[in-house]
Amino acid sequence: MTESSSTAGTLPKRRELSFKDKFLVLFVSIVLFTILRLVHATLRYRRVNEEHLKKVAPTGKEPNALAAWHQNTILSMTGHRKDGYAVMISSSADGQIISNVTEWFGMGTVRGSSSVGGKAALEAMIDRAAEGKKVAFTVDGPKGPAHEVKLGVLKVAESTGIPILPSLSLAERYWSFPKTWDNFRFPKPFSRIHLIYGEPLYVPKGADLSECQQKLKSILDGLDEEAKSKGLSPIG
């Protein structure tokens, strides 16, 4: 059984979809999940800078907040599918598709975004982290601007004391979608995937969150530069 949010009952009620919409959401979810499973079976994963991961989770079970850019959502999900993370996903119909696929891959979900149900969803993520569980954020999602860190993950870290683990899930070969706001990426079959981790970030109580935003952005941008310097950059 996959893990889903145990706090869903505290979140604002989402607009009820029509039967036709529900069928379409389920159909698209199944198709996308099937495609991802087939591609995922061909991918080869490698963890880079694993010492940073072991700093925050030496036994693999300690709570932390995985932080990644939205454009690499797919690989963040598939690469950490067995690690016990739950991710906050938009309450929209599109979000339901993503939520279905995410849960079928074995990750938990909390529904909400900056525009709908965001406050309650963030509180649910804080509660989850306070209970000693892992959380994950696409820190510039769901609508951008691209590569600009939003406050959610920082508020969770400040409230609970858990460390933020910056990460970059990078495919050496991928398709990009230039019409999306973040040039969303989809890995090509048989690609090598690098799961690259950055120095953990702690957010003390009362910290200047705007400074922490810039620091987290700097770490995440630095992972891109590190990938280039190590010859791990995607070739498109």
C-alpha atoms as a PDB file:
ATOM      1  CA  MET A   1       0.000   0.000   0.000  1.00  0.00           C
ATOM      2  CA  THR A   2       1.325   3.417  -0.884  1.00  0.00           C
ATOM      3  CA  GLU A   3       1.481   6.160   1.697  1.00  0.00           C
ATOM      4  CA  SER A   4      -0.901   9.093   1.314  1.00  0.00           C
ATOM      5  CA  SER A   5      -1.475  12.130   3.469  1.00  0.00           C
ATOM      6  CA  SER A   6      -3.116  11.322   6.802  1.00  0.00           C
ATOM      7  CA  THR A   7      -4.068  14.958   7.210  1.00  0.00           C
ATOM      8  CA  ALA A   8      -6.212  15.350   4.120  1.00  0.00           C
ATOM      9  CA  GLY A   9      -9.319  15.814   6.232  1.00  0.00           C
ATOM     10  CA  THR A  10      -7.972  19.118   7.567  1.00  0.00           C
ATOM     11  CA  LEU A  11      -7.593  20.630   4.114  1.00  0.00           C
ATOM     12  CA  PRO A  12     -10.200  22.771   2.322  1.00  0.00           C
ATOM     13  CA  LYS A  13     -12.641  20.735   0.245  1.00  0.00           C
ATOM     14  CA  ARG A  14     -11.718  20.722  -3.420  1.00  0.00           C
ATOM     15  CA  ARG A  15     -14.225  21.318  -6.198  1.00  0.00           C
ATOM     16  CA  GLU A  16     -16.011  18.069  -6.993  1.00  0.00           C
ATOM     17  CA  LEU A  17     -15.148  16.818 -10.467  1.00  0.00           C
ATOM     18  CA  SER A  18     -17.825  15.570 -12.826  1.00  0.00           C
ATOM     19  CA  PHE A  19     -17.906  11.866 -13.671  1.00  0.00           C
ATOM     20  CA  LYS A  20     -16.430  12.660 -17.086  1.00  0.00           C
ATOM     21  CA  ASP A  21     -13.607  14.664 -15.526  1.00  0.00           C
ATOM     22  CA  LYS A  22     -12.907  11.912 -12.984  1.00  0.00           C
ATOM     23  CA  PHE A  23     -12.711   9.331 -15.756  1.00  0.00           C
ATOM     24  CA  LEU A  24     -10.360  11.547 -17.776  1.00  0.00           C
ATOM     25  CA  VAL A  25      -8.131  12.176 -14.754  1.00  0.00           C
ATOM     26  CA  LEU A  26      -7.944   8.448 -14.017  1.00  0.00           C
ATOM     27  CA  PHE A  27      -7.276   7.564 -17.666  1.00  0.00           C
ATOM     28  CA  VAL A  28      -4.478  10.120 -18.035  1.00  0.00           C
ATOM     29  CA  SER A  29      -3.027   9.034 -14.673  1.00  0.00           C
ATOM     30  CA  ILE A  30      -2.871   5.400 -15.775  1.00  0.00           C
ATOM     31  CA  VAL A  31      -1.303   6.275 -19.132  1.00  0.00           C
ATOM     32  CA  LEU A  32       1.309   8.561 -17.554  1.00  0.00           C
ATOM     33  CA  PHE A  33       2.114   6.070 -14.808  1.00  0.00           C
ATOM     34  CA  THR A  34       2.525   3.260 -17.349  1.00  0.00           C
ATOM     35  CA  ILE A  35       4.869   5.355 -19.483  1.00  0.00           C
ATOM     36  CA  LEU A  36       6.909   6.390 -16.447  1.00  0.00           C
ATOM     37  CA  ARG A  37       7.174   2.815 -15.181  1.00  0.00           C
ATOM     38  CA  LEU A  38       8.436   1.634 -18.552  1.00  0.00           C
ATOM     39  CA  VAL A  39      10.987   4.454 -18.818  1.00  0.00           C
ATOM     40  CA  HIS A  40      11.982   4.113 -15.162  1.00  0.00           C
ATOM     41  CA  ALA A  41      12.827   0.420 -15.682  1.00  0.00           C
ATOM     42  CA  THR A  42      15.527   1.463 -18.174  1.00  0.00           C
ATOM     43  CA  LEU A  43      17.142   4.224 -16.088  1.00  0.00           C
ATOM     44  CA  ARG A  44      20.369   3.848 -14.124  1.00  0.00           C
ATOM     45  CA  TYR A  45      20.588   5.868 -10.893  1.00  0.00           C
ATOM     46  CA  ARG A  46      23.719   7.104  -9.152  1.00  0.00           C
ATOM     47  CA  ARG A  47      23.934   9.187  -5.970  1.00  0.00           C
ATOM     48  CA  VAL A  48      26.519  11.986  -5.894  1.00  0.00           C
ATOM     49  CA  ASN A  49      27.737  13.729  -2.696  1.00  0.00           C
ATOM     50  CA  GLU A  50      26.000  11.048  -0.660  1.00  0.00           C
ATOM     51  CA  GLU A  51      27.834  12.287   2.432  1.00  0.00           C
ATOM     52  CA  HIS A  52      25.370  15.190   2.587  1.00  0.00           C
ATOM     53  CA  LEU A  53      22.463  12.748   2.581  1.00  0.00           C
ATOM     54  CA  LYS A  54      24.083  10.770   5.389  1.00  0.00           C
ATOM     55  CA  LYS A  55      24.544  13.945   7.447  1.00  0.00           C
ATOM     56  CA  VAL A  56      20.786  14.475   7.659  1.00  0.00           C
ATOM     57  CA  ALA A  57      19.707  10.823   7.604  1.00  0.00           C
ATOM     58  CA  PRO A  58      22.529   8.544   8.813  1.00  0.00           C
ATOM     59  CA  THR A  59      20.160   5.586   9.142  1.00  0.00           C
ATOM     60  CA  GLY A  60      17.976   6.655   6.207  1.00  0.00           C
ATOM     61  CA  LYS A  61      14.964   7.271   8.464  1.00  0.00           C
ATOM     62  CA  GLU A  62      15.621  10.691  10.020  1.00  0.00           C
ATOM     63  CA  PRO A  63      13.243  13.524   9.011  1.00  0.00           C
ATOM     64  CA  ASN A  64      14.453  16.096   6.507  1.00  0.00           C
ATOM     65  CA  ALA A  65      13.042  18.327   3.775  1.00  0.00           C
ATOM     66  CA  LEU A  66      14.179  17.424   0.270  1.00  0.00           C
ATOM     67  CA  ALA A  67      14.373  20.578  -1.865  1.00  0.00           C
ATOM     68  CA  ALA A  68      14.500  20.500  -5.675  1.00  0.00           C
ATOM     69  CA  TRP A  69      13.580  22.558  -8.741  1.00  0.00           C
ATOM     70  CA  HIS A  70      10.200  21.837 -10.337  1.00  0.00           C
ATOM     71  CA  GLN A  71      11.631  21.086 -13.809  1.00  0.00           C
ATOM     72  CA  ASN A  72      13.168  17.862 -12.469  1.00  0.00           C
ATOM     73  CA  THR A  73      10.045  16.686 -10.617  1.00  0.00           C
ATOM     74  CA  ILE A  74       9.848  13.322 -12.372  1.00  0.00           C
ATOM     75  CA  LEU A  75      13.352  12.237 -11.443  1.00  0.00           C
ATOM     76  CA  SER A  76      13.044  13.629  -7.907  1.00  0.00           C
ATOM     77  CA  MET A  77      10.010  11.367  -7.538  1.00  0.00           C
ATOM     78  CA  THR A  78      11.359   8.206  -9.157  1.00  0.00           C
ATOM     79  CA  GLY A  79      14.810   8.610  -7.629  1.00  0.00           C
ATOM     80  CA  HIS A  80      13.463   8.900  -4.079  1.00  0.00           C
ATOM     81  CA  ARG A  81      10.412   6.648  -4.389  1.00  0.00           C
ATOM     82  CA  LYS A  82      11.547   4.311  -1.585  1.00  0.00           C
ATOM     83  CA  ASP A  83      12.839   6.951   0.815  1.00  0.00           C
ATOM     84  CA  GLY A  84       9.622   7.788   2.653  1.00  0.00           C
ATOM     85  CA  TYR A  85       9.049  11.344   1.434  1.00  0.00           C
ATOM     86  CA  ALA A  86       5.696  13.085   1.024  1.00  0.00           C
ATOM     87  CA  VAL A  87       5.337  15.989  -1.402  1.00  0.00           C
ATOM     88  CA  MET A  88       2.853  18.871  -1.545  1.00  0.00           C
ATOM     89  CA  ILE A  89       0.886  18.846  -4.813  1.00  0.00           C
ATOM     90  CA  SER A  90      -1.589  21.338  -6.272  1.00  0.00           C
ATOM     91  CA  SER A  91      -5.304  20.849  -5.564  1.00  0.00           C
ATOM     92  CA  SER A  92      -6.166  21.254  -9.251  1.00  0.00           C
ATOM     93  CA  ALA A  93      -7.363  18.485 -11.575  1.00  0.00           C
ATOM     94  CA  ASP A  94      -3.855  18.393 -13.077  1.00  0.00           C
ATOM     95  CA  GLY A  95      -2.570  18.055  -9.538  1.00  0.00           C
ATOM     96  CA  GLN A  96      -4.815  15.032  -9.046  1.00  0.00           C
ATOM     97  CA  ILE A  97      -3.097  13.321 -11.967  1.00  0.00           C
ATOM     98  CA  ILE A  98       0.313  14.077 -10.478  1.00  0.00           C
ATOM     99  CA  SER A  99      -0.900  12.974  -7.055  1.00  0.00           C
ATOM    100  CA  ASN A 100      -2.145   9.638  -8.414  1.00  0.00           C
ATOM    101  CA  VAL A 101       1.130   8.910 -10.190  1.00  0.00           C
ATOM    102  CA  THR A 102       3.200  10.032  -7.185  1.00  0.00           C
ATOM    103  CA  GLU A 103       1.301   7.776  -4.783  1.00  0.00           C
ATOM    104  CA  TRP A 104       1.438   4.831  -7.192  1.00  0.00           C
ATOM    105  CA  PHE A 105       5.206   5.262  -7.209  1.00  0.00           C
ATOM    106  CA  GLY A 106       5.189   4.937  -3.424  1.00  0.00           C
ATOM    107  CA  MET A 107       5.508   8.532  -2.203  1.00  0.00           C
ATOM    108  CA  GLY A 108       3.045  10.290   0.076  1.00  0.00           C
ATOM    109  CA  THR A 109       1.153  13.438  -0.929  1.00  0.00           C
ATOM    110  CA  VAL A 110      -0.386  16.469   0.729  1.00  0.00           C
ATOM    111  CA  ARG A 111      -2.780  18.424  -1.490  1.00  0.00           C
ATOM    112  CA  GLY A 112      -2.585  22.192  -1.716  1.00  0.00           C
ATOM    113  CA  SER A 113      -0.664  25.007  -3.407  1.00  0.00           C
ATOM    114  CA  SER A 114       0.129  28.685  -3.063  1.00  0.00           C
ATOM    115  CA  SER A 115      -3.259  29.521  -4.604  1.00  0.00           C
ATOM    116  CA  VAL A 116      -5.641  26.853  -3.203  1.00  0.00           C
ATOM    117  CA  GLY A 117      -5.453  25.310   0.247  1.00  0.00           C
ATOM    118  CA  GLY A 118      -1.848  26.365   0.653  1.00  0.00           C
ATOM    119  CA  LYS A 119      -1.956  27.372   4.322  1.00  0.00           C
ATOM    120  CA  ALA A 120      -3.637  24.162   5.462  1.00  0.00           C
ATOM    121  CA  ALA A 121      -1.364  22.042   3.260  1.00  0.00           C
ATOM    122  CA  LEU A 122       1.724  23.743   4.673  1.00  0.00           C
ATOM    123  CA  GLU A 123       0.456  23.117   8.201  1.00  0.00           C
ATOM    124  CA  ALA A 124      -0.028  19.463   7.264  1.00  0.00           C
ATOM    125  CA  MET A 125       3.580  19.307   6.052  1.00  0.00           C
ATOM    126  CA  ILE A 126       4.767  20.934   9.299  1.00  0.00           C
ATOM    127  CA  ASP A 127       2.778  18.393  11.324  1.00  0.00           C
ATOM    128  CA  ARG A 128       4.247  15.550   9.296  1.00  0.00           C
ATOM    129  CA  ALA A 129       7.807  16.799   9.816  1.00  0.00           C
ATOM    130  CA  ALA A 130       7.153  17.350  13.529  1.00  0.00           C
ATOM    131  CA  GLU A 131       6.101  13.691  13.750  1.00  0.00           C
ATOM    132  CA  GLY A 132       9.535  12.678  12.504  1.00  0.00           C
ATOM    133  CA  LYS A 133       8.586  12.036   8.881  1.00  0.00           C
ATOM    134  CA  LYS A 134      10.210  13.224   5.662  1.00  0.00           C
ATOM    135  CA  VAL A 135       8.820  15.910   3.368  1.00  0.00           C
ATOM    136  CA  ALA A 136       9.766  17.044  -0.135  1.00  0.00           C
ATOM    137  CA  PHE A 137       9.269  20.345  -1.952  1.00  0.00           C
ATOM    138  CA  THR A 138       9.609  21.570  -5.515  1.00  0.00           C
ATOM    139  CA  VAL A 139      10.710  24.899  -4.162  1.00  0.00           C
ATOM    140  CA  ASP A 140       9.828  27.049  -7.195  1.00  0.00           C
ATOM    141  CA  GLY A 141       6.520  25.283  -7.992  1.00  0.00           C
ATOM    142  CA  PRO A 142       3.827  24.929  -8.926  1.00  0.00           C
ATOM    143  CA  LYS A 143       3.865  28.002 -11.206  1.00  0.00           C
ATOM    144  CA  GLY A 144       7.224  29.680 -10.742  1.00  0.00           C
ATOM    145  CA  PRO A 145       9.073  31.872 -11.416  1.00  0.00           C
ATOM    146  CA  ALA A 146      11.564  29.174 -12.320  1.00  0.00           C
ATOM    147  CA  HIS A 147      14.551  28.763 -10.003  1.00  0.00           C
ATOM    148  CA  GLU A 148      13.164  31.172  -7.410  1.00  0.00           C
ATOM    149  CA  VAL A 149      12.822  29.628  -3.949  1.00  0.00           C
ATOM    150  CA  LYS A 150       9.460  30.058  -2.222  1.00  0.00           C
ATOM    151  CA  LEU A 151       9.046  30.211   1.532  1.00  0.00           C
ATOM    152  CA  GLY A 152       7.209  26.928   2.208  1.00  0.00           C
ATOM    153  CA  VAL A 153      10.169  24.641   2.773  1.00  0.00           C
ATOM    154  CA  LEU A 154      11.904  27.293   4.886  1.00  0.00           C
ATOM    155  CA  LYS A 155       8.859  27.681   7.141  1.00  0.00           C
ATOM    156  CA  VAL A 156       8.709  23.926   7.681  1.00  0.00           C
ATOM    157  CA  ALA A 157      12.408  23.825   8.541  1.00  0.00           C
ATOM    158  CA  GLU A 158      12.119  26.791  10.911  1.00  0.00           C
ATOM    159  CA  SER A 159       9.031  25.417  12.663  1.00  0.00           C
ATOM    160  CA  THR A 160      10.332  21.893  13.182  1.00  0.00           C
ATOM    161  CA  GLY A 161      14.117  22.190  13.199  1.00  0.00           C
ATOM    162  CA  ILE A 162      14.566  19.565  10.479  1.00  0.00           C
ATOM    163  CA  PRO A 163      17.357  20.166   7.936  1.00  0.00           C
ATOM    164  CA  ILE A 164      16.732  21.051   4.305  1.00  0.00           C
ATOM    165  CA  LEU A 165      18.524  18.718   1.891  1.00  0.00           C
ATOM    166  CA  PRO A 166      19.128  20.510  -1.445  1.00  0.00           C
ATOM    167  CA  SER A 167      19.055  18.105  -4.371  1.00  0.00           C
ATOM    168  CA  LEU A 168      19.387  17.979  -8.131  1.00  0.00           C
ATOM    169  CA  SER A 169      18.011  14.957 -10.006  1.00  0.00           C
ATOM    170  CA  LEU A 170      19.671  15.116 -13.384  1.00  0.00           C
ATOM    171  CA  ALA A 171      19.266  12.974 -16.496  1.00  0.00           C
ATOM    172  CA  GLU A 172      22.185  12.902 -18.905  1.00  0.00           C
ATOM    173  CA  ARG A 173      19.643  12.745 -21.756  1.00  0.00           C
ATOM    174  CA  TYR A 174      16.148  14.209 -21.643  1.00  0.00           C
ATOM    175  CA  TRP A 175      13.362  15.903 -23.549  1.00  0.00           C
ATOM    176  CA  SER A 176      12.471  19.448 -22.483  1.00  0.00           C
ATOM    177  CA  PHE A 177       9.190  21.265 -22.987  1.00  0.00           C
ATOM    178  CA  PRO A 178       9.975  24.927 -23.782  1.00  0.00           C
ATOM    179  CA  LYS A 179       6.329  25.986 -23.642  1.00  0.00           C
ATOM    180  CA  THR A 180       6.165  25.162 -19.940  1.00  0.00           C
ATOM    181  CA  TRP A 181       7.127  27.860 -17.452  1.00  0.00           C
ATOM    182  CA  ASP A 182      10.219  25.978 -16.255  1.00  0.00           C
ATOM    183  CA  ASN A 183      11.265  24.041 -19.393  1.00  0.00           C
ATOM    184  CA  PHE A 184      10.011  20.868 -17.751  1.00  0.00           C
ATOM    185  CA  ARG A 185      12.205  17.814 -18.358  1.00  0.00           C
ATOM    186  CA  PHE A 186      11.340  14.199 -19.129  1.00  0.00           C
ATOM    187  CA  PRO A 187      14.167  11.626 -19.078  1.00  0.00           C
ATOM    188  CA  LYS A 188      14.951   9.661 -22.211  1.00  0.00           C
ATOM    189  CA  PRO A 189      14.966   5.867 -21.883  1.00  0.00           C
ATOM    190  CA  PHE A 190      18.272   4.249 -20.901  1.00  0.00           C
ATOM    191  CA  SER A 191      19.633   7.494 -19.471  1.00  0.00           C
ATOM    192  CA  ARG A 192      22.008   7.629 -16.543  1.00  0.00           C
ATOM    193  CA  ILE A 193      20.471   9.624 -13.674  1.00  0.00           C
ATOM    194  CA  HIS A 194      22.570  11.542 -11.166  1.00  0.00           C
ATOM    195  CA  LEU A 195      20.972  12.286  -7.788  1.00  0.00           C
ATOM    196  CA  ILE A 196      23.212  15.097  -6.556  1.00  0.00           C
ATOM    197  CA  TYR A 197      23.005  16.438  -2.988  1.00  0.00           C
ATOM    198  CA  GLY A 198      24.125  19.760  -1.552  1.00  0.00           C
ATOM    199  CA  GLU A 199      25.223  20.922   1.876  1.00  0.00           C
ATOM    200  CA  PRO A 200      22.242  20.682   4.294  1.00  0.00           C
ATOM    201  CA  LEU A 201      20.658  23.957   5.362  1.00  0.00           C
ATOM    202  CA  TYR A 202      19.255  24.589   8.837  1.00  0.00           C
ATOM    203  CA  VAL A 203      16.823  27.434   9.532  1.00  0.00           C
ATOM    204  CA  PRO A 204      16.982  28.621  13.167  1.00  0.00           C
ATOM    205  CA  LYS A 205      13.928  30.058  14.897  1.00  0.00           C
ATOM    206  CA  GLY A 206      13.533  33.724  14.028  1.00  0.00           C
ATOM    207  CA  ALA A 207      15.941  33.533  11.090  1.00  0.00           C
ATOM    208  CA  ASP A 208      15.681  36.028   8.239  1.00  0.00           C
ATOM    209  CA  LEU A 209      13.824  33.867   5.728  1.00  0.00           C
ATOM    210  CA  SER A 210      14.693  36.116   2.799  1.00  0.00           C
ATOM    211  CA  GLU A 211      18.383  35.482   3.485  1.00  0.00           C
ATOM    212  CA  CYS A 212      17.675  31.757   3.776  1.00  0.00           C
ATOM    213  CA  GLN A 213      15.845  31.903   0.435  1.00  0.00           C
ATOM    214  CA  GLN A 214      18.924  33.306  -1.245  1.00  0.00           C
ATOM    215  CA  LYS A 215      21.203  30.810   0.478  1.00  0.00           C
ATOM    216  CA  LEU A 216      19.088  27.845  -0.616  1.00  0.00           C
ATOM    217  CA  LYS A 217      18.907  29.199  -4.162  1.00  0.00           C
ATOM    218  CA  SER A 218      22.684  29.610  -4.163  1.00  0.00           C
ATOM    219  CA  ILE A 219      23.166  25.982  -3.063  1.00  0.00           C
ATOM    220  CA  LEU A 220      20.734  24.666  -5.680  1.00  0.00           C
ATOM    221  CA  ASP A 221      22.291  26.785  -8.434  1.00  0.00           C
ATOM    222  CA  GLY A 222      25.672  25.561  -7.252  1.00  0.00           C
ATOM    223  CA  LEU A 223      24.605  21.968  -7.833  1.00  0.00           C
ATOM    224  CA  ASP A 224      23.993  22.828 -11.499  1.00  0.00           C
ATOM    225  CA  GLU A 225      27.484  24.317 -11.729  1.00  0.00           C
ATOM    226  CA  GLU A 226      28.984  21.310  -9.941  1.00  0.00           C
ATOM    227  CA  ALA A 227      27.261  18.974 -12.400  1.00  0.00           C
ATOM    228  CA  LYS A 228      28.814  20.899 -15.282  1.00  0.00           C
ATOM    229  CA  SER A 229      32.259  20.849 -13.732  1.00  0.00           C
ATOM    230  CA  LYS A 230      32.050  17.079 -13.196  1.00  0.00           C
ATOM    231  CA  GLY A 231      30.837  16.460 -16.731  1.00  0.00           C
ATOM    232  CA  LEU A 232      27.397  15.371 -15.530  1.00  0.00           C
ATOM    233  CA  SER A 233      25.466  18.049 -17.404  1.00  0.00           C
ATOM    234  CA  PRO A 234      22.598  16.924 -19.653  1.00  0.00           C
ATOM    235  CA  ILE A 235      23.315  16.856 -23.350  1.00  0.00           C
ATOM    236  CA  GLY A 236      19.667  17.276 -24.361  1.00  0.00           C
END
